[in-house]
Amino acid sequence: MDIKQAKFVVSNSSVSKCPRPDKPEYAFIGRSNVGKSSLINMLVNSKSLAKTSGKPGKTQLINHFLINEEWYLVDLPGYGFAKVPQTEKKKWEKFIREYII
């Protein structure tokens, strides 16, 4: 895999606002603060494309990154350790579930 270009496209909490499903998407989902955003940055050889933090819960929306104008990497919120209210976690669960299904 040779990544020549990577750019941020959109960040949102609604599947209806995601890019049209005309390109493959590879989504990263997992526990909070395990390095999903850092892995995206490593894959695209950038330190700042996907925002990172040492504090769980930095990624709170669906983030799409267009790779080589051909496919998307998608960064999803983590679950488990984010220091946010339960109501916020429920919102994340809802839009992540909608995105996956």
N, C-alpha and C. Protein backbone atom coordinates (compact mmCIF):
# COMPACT_ATOMS: atom_id res chain seq x y z
N MET A 1 0.85 -1.17 0.00
CA MET A 1 0.00 0.00 0.00
C MET A 1 0.90 1.23 0.00
N ASP A 2 0.74 2.05 -1.00
CA ASP A 2 1.53 3.26 -1.12
C ASP A 2 0.61 4.46 -0.99
N ILE A 3 0.63 5.10 0.17
CA ILE A 3 -0.22 6.27 0.39
C ILE A 3 0.55 7.52 -0.02
N LYS A 4 0.07 8.14 -1.07
CA LYS A 4 0.71 9.35 -1.60
C LYS A 4 0.02 10.61 -1.13
N GLN A 5 -1.28 10.50 -0.87
CA GLN A 5 -2.05 11.68 -0.47
C GLN A 5 -3.09 11.28 0.56
N ALA A 6 -3.22 12.07 1.60
CA ALA A 6 -4.24 11.86 2.62
C ALA A 6 -4.76 13.21 3.05
N LYS A 7 -6.08 13.34 3.06
CA LYS A 7 -6.65 14.62 3.48
C LYS A 7 -7.92 14.40 4.29
N PHE A 8 -8.12 15.29 5.23
CA PHE A 8 -9.33 15.29 6.04
C PHE A 8 -10.50 15.71 5.16
N VAL A 9 -11.63 15.01 5.29
CA VAL A 9 -12.80 15.33 4.48
C VAL A 9 -13.93 15.91 5.33
N VAL A 10 -14.36 15.16 6.35
CA VAL A 10 -15.51 15.62 7.14
C VAL A 10 -15.50 14.95 8.51
N SER A 11 -16.07 15.67 9.47
CA SER A 11 -16.23 15.18 10.83
C SER A 11 -17.68 15.46 11.22
N ASN A 12 -18.42 14.43 11.62
CA ASN A 12 -19.81 14.66 11.96
C ASN A 12 -20.37 13.54 12.82
N SER A 13 -21.59 13.74 13.29
CA SER A 13 -22.25 12.74 14.13
C SER A 13 -23.50 12.18 13.45
N SER A 14 -23.59 12.37 12.15
CA SER A 14 -24.76 11.89 11.42
C SER A 14 -24.32 11.13 10.17
N VAL A 15 -24.79 9.92 10.04
CA VAL A 15 -24.43 9.10 8.88
C VAL A 15 -24.87 9.79 7.59
N SER A 16 -25.95 10.54 7.65
CA SER A 16 -26.44 11.23 6.45
C SER A 16 -25.46 12.29 5.95
N LYS A 17 -24.54 12.73 6.81
CA LYS A 17 -23.55 13.74 6.42
C LYS A 17 -22.20 13.13 6.04
N CYS A 18 -22.12 11.81 6.08
CA CYS A 18 -20.89 11.13 5.66
C CYS A 18 -20.76 11.22 4.14
N PRO A 19 -19.55 11.04 3.61
CA PRO A 19 -19.39 11.05 2.15
C PRO A 19 -20.25 9.97 1.50
N ARG A 20 -20.61 10.23 0.25
CA ARG A 20 -21.39 9.23 -0.50
C ARG A 20 -20.64 7.90 -0.48
N PRO A 21 -21.36 6.80 -0.41
CA PRO A 21 -20.70 5.48 -0.34
C PRO A 21 -20.24 4.98 -1.71
N ASP A 22 -19.44 5.78 -2.39
CA ASP A 22 -18.95 5.39 -3.72
C ASP A 22 -17.49 4.95 -3.70
N LYS A 23 -16.89 4.94 -2.51
CA LYS A 23 -15.50 4.50 -2.35
C LYS A 23 -15.43 3.55 -1.15
N PRO A 24 -14.48 2.62 -1.15
CA PRO A 24 -14.31 1.75 0.02
C PRO A 24 -13.95 2.55 1.26
N GLU A 25 -14.38 2.07 2.41
CA GLU A 25 -14.06 2.69 3.70
C GLU A 25 -13.48 1.64 4.63
N TYR A 26 -12.43 2.01 5.34
CA TYR A 26 -11.82 1.15 6.35
C TYR A 26 -11.89 1.90 7.66
N ALA A 27 -12.76 1.43 8.55
CA ALA A 27 -13.03 2.14 9.80
C ALA A 27 -12.27 1.52 10.96
N PHE A 28 -11.78 2.40 11.84
CA PHE A 28 -11.10 1.98 13.05
C PHE A 28 -12.04 2.20 14.22
N ILE A 29 -12.34 1.11 14.92
CA ILE A 29 -13.21 1.16 16.08
C ILE A 29 -12.54 0.35 17.19
N GLY A 30 -12.69 0.80 18.42
CA GLY A 30 -12.09 0.09 19.54
C GLY A 30 -12.21 0.90 20.81
N ARG A 31 -11.57 0.44 21.85
CA ARG A 31 -11.64 1.11 23.14
C ARG A 31 -10.99 2.49 23.08
N SER A 32 -11.36 3.32 24.03
CA SER A 32 -10.80 4.66 24.13
C SER A 32 -9.30 4.62 24.39
N ASN A 33 -8.58 5.51 23.75
CA ASN A 33 -7.17 5.75 24.04
C ASN A 33 -6.27 4.54 23.78
N VAL A 34 -6.57 3.77 22.73
CA VAL A 34 -5.70 2.65 22.37
C VAL A 34 -4.82 2.95 21.16
N GLY A 35 -5.02 4.12 20.54
CA GLY A 35 -4.15 4.51 19.44
C GLY A 35 -4.77 4.44 18.05
N LYS A 36 -6.08 4.47 17.95
CA LYS A 36 -6.73 4.43 16.63
C LYS A 36 -6.30 5.62 15.78
N SER A 37 -6.38 6.82 16.33
CA SER A 37 -5.99 8.02 15.58
C SER A 37 -4.49 8.02 15.31
N SER A 38 -3.70 7.58 16.26
CA SER A 38 -2.25 7.50 16.05
C SER A 38 -1.90 6.50 14.95
N LEU A 39 -2.64 5.41 14.87
CA LEU A 39 -2.41 4.43 13.80
C LEU A 39 -2.71 5.05 12.44
N ILE A 40 -3.79 5.80 12.35
CA ILE A 40 -4.10 6.49 11.09
C ILE A 40 -2.96 7.42 10.72
N ASN A 41 -2.47 8.20 11.68
CA ASN A 41 -1.35 9.12 11.40
C ASN A 41 -0.11 8.36 10.95
N MET A 42 0.16 7.22 11.56
CA MET A 42 1.32 6.42 11.17
C MET A 42 1.16 5.89 9.74
N LEU A 43 -0.03 5.39 9.42
CA LEU A 43 -0.27 4.84 8.09
C LEU A 43 -0.09 5.87 6.98
N VAL A 44 -0.48 7.12 7.27
CA VAL A 44 -0.39 8.17 6.25
C VAL A 44 0.87 9.02 6.40
N ASN A 45 1.74 8.63 7.34
CA ASN A 45 3.01 9.33 7.57
C ASN A 45 2.80 10.81 7.90
N SER A 46 1.93 11.05 8.87
CA SER A 46 1.64 12.41 9.33
C SER A 46 1.48 12.37 10.84
N LYS A 47 1.88 13.44 11.50
CA LYS A 47 1.71 13.50 12.95
C LYS A 47 0.44 14.23 13.34
N SER A 48 -0.24 14.83 12.36
CA SER A 48 -1.35 15.70 12.74
C SER A 48 -2.62 15.55 11.90
N LEU A 49 -2.70 14.58 11.01
CA LEU A 49 -3.92 14.45 10.20
C LEU A 49 -5.10 14.12 11.11
N ALA A 50 -5.00 13.06 11.88
CA ALA A 50 -6.03 12.70 12.85
C ALA A 50 -5.62 13.28 14.20
N LYS A 51 -6.52 13.99 14.84
CA LYS A 51 -6.19 14.61 16.14
C LYS A 51 -6.03 13.52 17.20
N THR A 52 -4.99 13.69 18.02
CA THR A 52 -4.71 12.73 19.09
C THR A 52 -4.60 13.44 20.43
N SER A 53 -4.69 12.67 21.49
CA SER A 53 -4.56 13.21 22.84
C SER A 53 -4.22 12.08 23.79
N GLY A 54 -3.57 12.41 24.88
CA GLY A 54 -3.30 11.41 25.91
C GLY A 54 -4.52 11.17 26.78
N LYS A 55 -5.55 11.99 26.59
CA LYS A 55 -6.77 11.89 27.38
C LYS A 55 -7.82 11.10 26.60
N PRO A 56 -8.39 10.06 27.20
CA PRO A 56 -9.42 9.28 26.51
C PRO A 56 -10.60 10.16 26.10
N GLY A 57 -11.14 9.90 24.91
CA GLY A 57 -12.33 10.61 24.46
C GLY A 57 -12.08 11.77 23.53
N LYS A 58 -10.86 11.91 22.98
CA LYS A 58 -10.56 13.02 22.07
C LYS A 58 -11.42 12.93 20.80
N THR A 59 -11.50 11.75 20.20
CA THR A 59 -12.32 11.57 19.01
C THR A 59 -13.77 11.39 19.44
N GLN A 60 -14.62 12.33 19.05
CA GLN A 60 -16.02 12.27 19.47
C GLN A 60 -17.00 12.24 18.30
N LEU A 61 -16.47 12.21 17.08
CA LEU A 61 -17.31 12.20 15.89
C LEU A 61 -16.78 11.18 14.89
N ILE A 62 -17.53 10.97 13.81
CA ILE A 62 -17.07 10.12 12.70
C ILE A 62 -16.17 11.00 11.84
N ASN A 63 -14.91 10.61 11.69
CA ASN A 63 -13.94 11.40 10.92
C ASN A 63 -13.52 10.63 9.67
N HIS A 64 -13.73 11.24 8.52
CA HIS A 64 -13.36 10.62 7.24
C HIS A 64 -12.10 11.28 6.68
N PHE A 65 -11.17 10.44 6.24
CA PHE A 65 -9.94 10.90 5.59
C PHE A 65 -9.85 10.22 4.23
N LEU A 66 -9.71 11.01 3.17
CA LEU A 66 -9.64 10.47 1.81
C LEU A 66 -8.19 10.13 1.50
N ILE A 67 -7.97 8.91 1.06
CA ILE A 67 -6.63 8.40 0.78
C ILE A 67 -6.46 8.20 -0.72
N ASN A 68 -5.46 8.87 -1.28
CA ASN A 68 -5.13 8.75 -2.71
C ASN A 68 -6.34 8.99 -3.62
N GLU A 69 -7.31 9.77 -3.14
CA GLU A 69 -8.54 10.05 -3.91
C GLU A 69 -9.30 8.78 -4.26
N GLU A 70 -9.00 7.65 -3.56
CA GLU A 70 -9.58 6.36 -3.94
C GLU A 70 -10.40 5.68 -2.85
N TRP A 71 -10.05 5.90 -1.59
CA TRP A 71 -10.72 5.21 -0.49
C TRP A 71 -10.59 6.04 0.78
N TYR A 72 -11.36 5.64 1.80
CA TYR A 72 -11.39 6.39 3.06
C TYR A 72 -10.85 5.57 4.23
N LEU A 73 -10.14 6.26 5.11
CA LEU A 73 -9.90 5.76 6.46
C LEU A 73 -10.90 6.51 7.32
N VAL A 74 -11.53 5.80 8.25
CA VAL A 74 -12.54 6.40 9.10
C VAL A 74 -12.15 6.18 10.56
N ASP A 75 -12.09 7.27 11.30
CA ASP A 75 -11.74 7.24 12.72
C ASP A 75 -13.04 7.41 13.51
N LEU A 76 -13.36 6.41 14.32
CA LEU A 76 -14.58 6.44 15.12
C LEU A 76 -14.24 6.67 16.59
N PRO A 77 -15.18 7.22 17.36
CA PRO A 77 -14.93 7.41 18.79
C PRO A 77 -14.65 6.08 19.48
N GLY A 78 -13.79 6.13 20.48
CA GLY A 78 -13.52 4.95 21.28
C GLY A 78 -14.61 4.75 22.31
N TYR A 79 -14.58 3.63 22.97
CA TYR A 79 -15.57 3.36 23.99
C TYR A 79 -14.87 2.81 25.22
N GLY A 80 -15.45 3.06 26.37
CA GLY A 80 -14.94 2.47 27.60
C GLY A 80 -14.39 3.46 28.59
N PHE A 81 -13.38 4.24 28.21
CA PHE A 81 -12.69 5.07 29.20
C PHE A 81 -12.88 6.56 29.02
N ALA A 82 -13.60 6.99 27.99
CA ALA A 82 -13.77 8.42 27.74
C ALA A 82 -14.43 9.09 28.94
N LYS A 83 -13.87 10.22 29.33
CA LYS A 83 -14.39 10.97 30.48
C LYS A 83 -15.45 11.95 30.00
N VAL A 84 -16.58 11.41 29.60
CA VAL A 84 -17.71 12.22 29.15
C VAL A 84 -18.98 11.69 29.81
N PRO A 85 -20.02 12.52 29.89
CA PRO A 85 -21.27 12.06 30.50
C PRO A 85 -21.86 10.85 29.77
N GLN A 86 -22.59 10.05 30.50
CA GLN A 86 -23.22 8.85 29.93
C GLN A 86 -24.13 9.21 28.77
N THR A 87 -24.80 10.37 28.85
CA THR A 87 -25.68 10.78 27.75
C THR A 87 -24.89 10.97 26.46
N GLU A 88 -23.68 11.48 26.57
CA GLU A 88 -22.82 11.67 25.40
C GLU A 88 -22.39 10.31 24.83
N LYS A 89 -22.04 9.39 25.71
CA LYS A 89 -21.67 8.05 25.27
C LYS A 89 -22.81 7.38 24.52
N LYS A 90 -24.03 7.60 24.99
CA LYS A 90 -25.21 7.02 24.32
C LYS A 90 -25.36 7.60 22.91
N LYS A 91 -25.08 8.90 22.75
CA LYS A 91 -25.13 9.53 21.42
C LYS A 91 -24.10 8.88 20.50
N TRP A 92 -22.89 8.68 21.02
CA TRP A 92 -21.83 8.03 20.23
C TRP A 92 -22.28 6.65 19.80
N GLU A 93 -22.82 5.90 20.77
CA GLU A 93 -23.26 4.54 20.47
C GLU A 93 -24.29 4.55 19.33
N LYS A 94 -25.21 5.50 19.39
CA LYS A 94 -26.26 5.57 18.37
C LYS A 94 -25.68 5.83 16.99
N PHE A 95 -24.82 6.85 16.85
CA PHE A 95 -24.34 7.15 15.50
C PHE A 95 -23.29 6.15 15.02
N ILE A 96 -22.56 5.52 15.93
CA ILE A 96 -21.62 4.47 15.50
C ILE A 96 -22.42 3.26 15.00
N ARG A 97 -23.46 2.90 15.72
CA ARG A 97 -24.31 1.79 15.30
C ARG A 97 -24.92 2.07 13.92
N GLU A 98 -25.42 3.29 13.71
CA GLU A 98 -26.00 3.67 12.41
C GLU A 98 -24.94 3.62 11.31
N TYR A 99 -23.73 4.06 11.64
CA TYR A 99 -22.66 4.04 10.64
C TYR A 99 -22.31 2.61 10.23
N ILE A 100 -22.19 1.74 11.20
CA ILE A 100 -21.78 0.36 10.92
C ILE A 100 -22.88 -0.41 10.19
N ILE A 101 -24.10 -0.19 10.59
CA ILE A 101 -25.21 -0.93 9.97
C ILE A 101 -25.57 -0.24 8.69
